[in-house]
Amino acid sequence: MTRLMTLATVAACCAIAAGCGSTSSSSPVGSSSGTTGPHTHGVAGKTSHVTLQNGQFRPQHVTVPVSSTVLWTNSDKTKCAVVATSGAKFKSPAFAAGSSFTFTVTRAGTIHYHCSTNPGATGTITVTG
């Protein structure tokens, strides 16, 4: 029952975060990480989901069109701050398990990022025109 309530809380947080605005960049945007499997593709104006779980971003690579939002959800025990290392400029505040961060891509390109508290967690976002 507790696990079900936790999953419902995470789902509600994701829905709220997806509808509550985002951070955008004027830098080129490209590769990224994700939730299930090695690579996912997004749809313009929609949200692509990436989960930090067991010290890794899943999926690790996502491909999205310009104007899409990427939503990272922390499902790990430690806080995570998502930081772009190239292709865009963003840094989330450190967020705990069950919390999320969003970023809306504004230009085609490749974005590389990592978790500042777990440098082994890396990902890329490929942004198509």
Protein backbone atom coordinates (compact mmCIF):
# COMPACT_ATOMS: atom_id res chain seq x y z
CA MET A 1 0.00 0.00 0.00
CA THR A 2 2.84 2.41 0.86
CA ARG A 3 4.53 1.67 -2.48
CA LEU A 4 1.25 2.36 -4.33
CA MET A 5 0.87 5.69 -2.52
CA THR A 6 4.50 6.59 -3.34
CA LEU A 7 3.95 5.79 -7.02
CA ALA A 8 0.76 7.86 -7.04
CA THR A 9 2.62 10.77 -5.43
CA VAL A 10 5.43 10.56 -8.02
CA ALA A 11 2.89 10.46 -10.85
CA ALA A 12 1.08 13.50 -9.42
CA CYS A 13 4.36 15.41 -9.05
CA CYS A 14 5.27 14.60 -12.66
CA ALA A 15 1.89 15.80 -13.90
CA ILE A 16 2.16 19.03 -11.90
CA ALA A 17 5.76 19.66 -12.99
CA ALA A 18 4.89 19.04 -16.63
CA GLY A 19 2.15 21.65 -16.50
CA CYS A 20 3.93 24.26 -14.38
CA GLY A 21 6.39 25.80 -16.78
CA SER A 22 9.96 25.03 -17.58
CA THR A 23 13.40 26.39 -18.07
CA SER A 24 14.48 27.26 -21.58
CA SER A 25 17.81 27.93 -23.22
CA SER A 26 19.01 30.03 -26.09
CA SER A 27 21.85 27.60 -26.68
CA PRO A 28 21.84 24.72 -29.16
CA VAL A 29 20.22 21.57 -27.85
CA GLY A 30 20.97 17.91 -28.73
CA SER A 31 21.61 14.57 -26.97
CA SER A 32 20.11 13.54 -23.61
CA SER A 33 19.21 10.71 -21.26
CA GLY A 34 15.92 8.94 -20.50
CA THR A 35 13.86 6.26 -18.74
CA THR A 36 13.46 2.82 -20.32
CA GLY A 37 15.78 1.37 -22.89
CA PRO A 38 18.76 2.95 -24.54
CA HIS A 39 17.00 5.64 -26.58
CA THR A 40 13.57 7.25 -26.97
CA HIS A 41 12.05 9.74 -29.40
CA GLY A 42 9.80 12.64 -28.39
CA VAL A 43 7.09 14.67 -30.11
CA ALA A 44 7.20 18.48 -30.57
CA GLY A 45 5.40 20.31 -27.78
CA LYS A 46 5.25 17.15 -25.66
CA THR A 47 7.22 16.01 -22.63
CA SER A 48 9.89 13.29 -22.75
CA HIS A 49 10.58 11.59 -19.42
CA VAL A 50 13.97 10.67 -17.98
CA THR A 51 14.34 8.90 -14.63
CA LEU A 52 17.38 8.80 -12.35
CA GLN A 53 17.36 5.26 -10.98
CA ASN A 54 20.14 3.14 -9.50
CA GLY A 55 22.68 5.88 -10.25
CA GLN A 56 21.84 6.09 -13.98
CA PHE A 57 19.58 8.14 -16.22
CA ARG A 58 17.01 6.00 -18.07
CA PRO A 59 16.83 6.29 -20.98
CA GLN A 60 20.34 7.62 -21.31
CA HIS A 61 19.70 9.12 -24.75
CA VAL A 62 16.56 10.87 -26.01
CA THR A 63 15.80 12.50 -29.32
CA VAL A 64 13.23 15.31 -29.32
CA PRO A 65 12.13 18.04 -31.72
CA VAL A 66 12.59 21.74 -30.92
CA SER A 67 9.97 23.08 -28.44
CA SER A 68 9.81 19.80 -26.53
CA THR A 69 10.23 19.51 -22.78
CA VAL A 70 12.44 16.99 -21.01
CA LEU A 71 11.32 16.05 -17.50
CA TRP A 72 13.81 14.38 -15.17
CA THR A 73 12.37 12.54 -12.16
CA ASN A 74 14.57 11.39 -9.30
CA SER A 75 13.77 7.82 -8.24
CA ASP A 76 17.08 7.38 -6.41
CA LYS A 77 17.80 7.67 -2.69
CA THR A 78 20.17 10.63 -3.10
CA LYS A 79 19.49 14.15 -4.35
CA CYS A 80 20.44 15.00 -7.92
CA ALA A 81 21.20 18.26 -9.72
CA VAL A 82 20.99 17.91 -13.52
CA VAL A 83 23.71 20.01 -15.16
CA ALA A 84 24.29 20.63 -18.88
CA THR A 85 27.95 20.16 -19.79
CA SER A 86 27.64 21.22 -23.44
CA GLY A 87 25.02 22.29 -25.97
CA ALA A 88 22.87 24.27 -23.52
CA LYS A 89 23.08 26.11 -20.24
CA PHE A 90 21.01 24.76 -17.38
CA LYS A 91 21.54 23.53 -13.85
CA SER A 92 18.70 22.28 -11.72
CA PRO A 93 18.60 22.75 -7.99
CA ALA A 94 19.39 19.48 -6.18
CA PHE A 95 16.11 17.56 -6.01
CA ALA A 96 15.21 14.56 -3.87
CA ALA A 97 13.49 11.29 -4.67
CA GLY A 98 10.01 11.86 -6.05
CA SER A 99 10.87 15.37 -7.28
CA SER A 100 11.35 16.55 -10.86
CA PHE A 101 13.05 19.15 -13.06
CA THR A 102 12.04 20.29 -16.54
CA PHE A 103 13.89 21.94 -19.41
CA THR A 104 12.39 23.05 -22.73
CA VAL A 105 14.68 22.84 -25.76
CA THR A 106 14.68 25.81 -28.13
CA ARG A 107 17.29 24.95 -30.78
CA ALA A 108 18.46 21.92 -32.71
CA GLY A 109 21.73 20.32 -31.63
CA THR A 110 23.15 17.99 -28.98
CA ILE A 111 23.04 18.51 -25.23
CA HIS A 112 25.23 16.52 -22.88
CA TYR A 113 24.40 16.49 -19.16
CA HIS A 114 25.18 14.73 -15.90
CA CYS A 115 24.10 14.57 -12.27
CA SER A 116 26.39 16.80 -10.19
CA THR A 117 26.04 14.57 -7.12
CA ASN A 118 26.56 11.36 -9.12
CA PRO A 119 28.96 12.14 -12.02
CA GLY A 120 28.58 8.59 -13.36
CA ALA A 121 24.98 9.43 -14.30
CA THR A 122 25.25 11.01 -17.76
CA GLY A 123 22.95 11.51 -20.70
CA THR A 124 22.41 13.23 -24.00
CA ILE A 125 19.49 14.95 -25.70
CA THR A 126 19.47 15.13 -29.48
CA VAL A 127 17.26 18.00 -30.60
CA THR A 128 16.02 17.91 -34.18
CA GLY A 129 14.90 20.94 -36.19
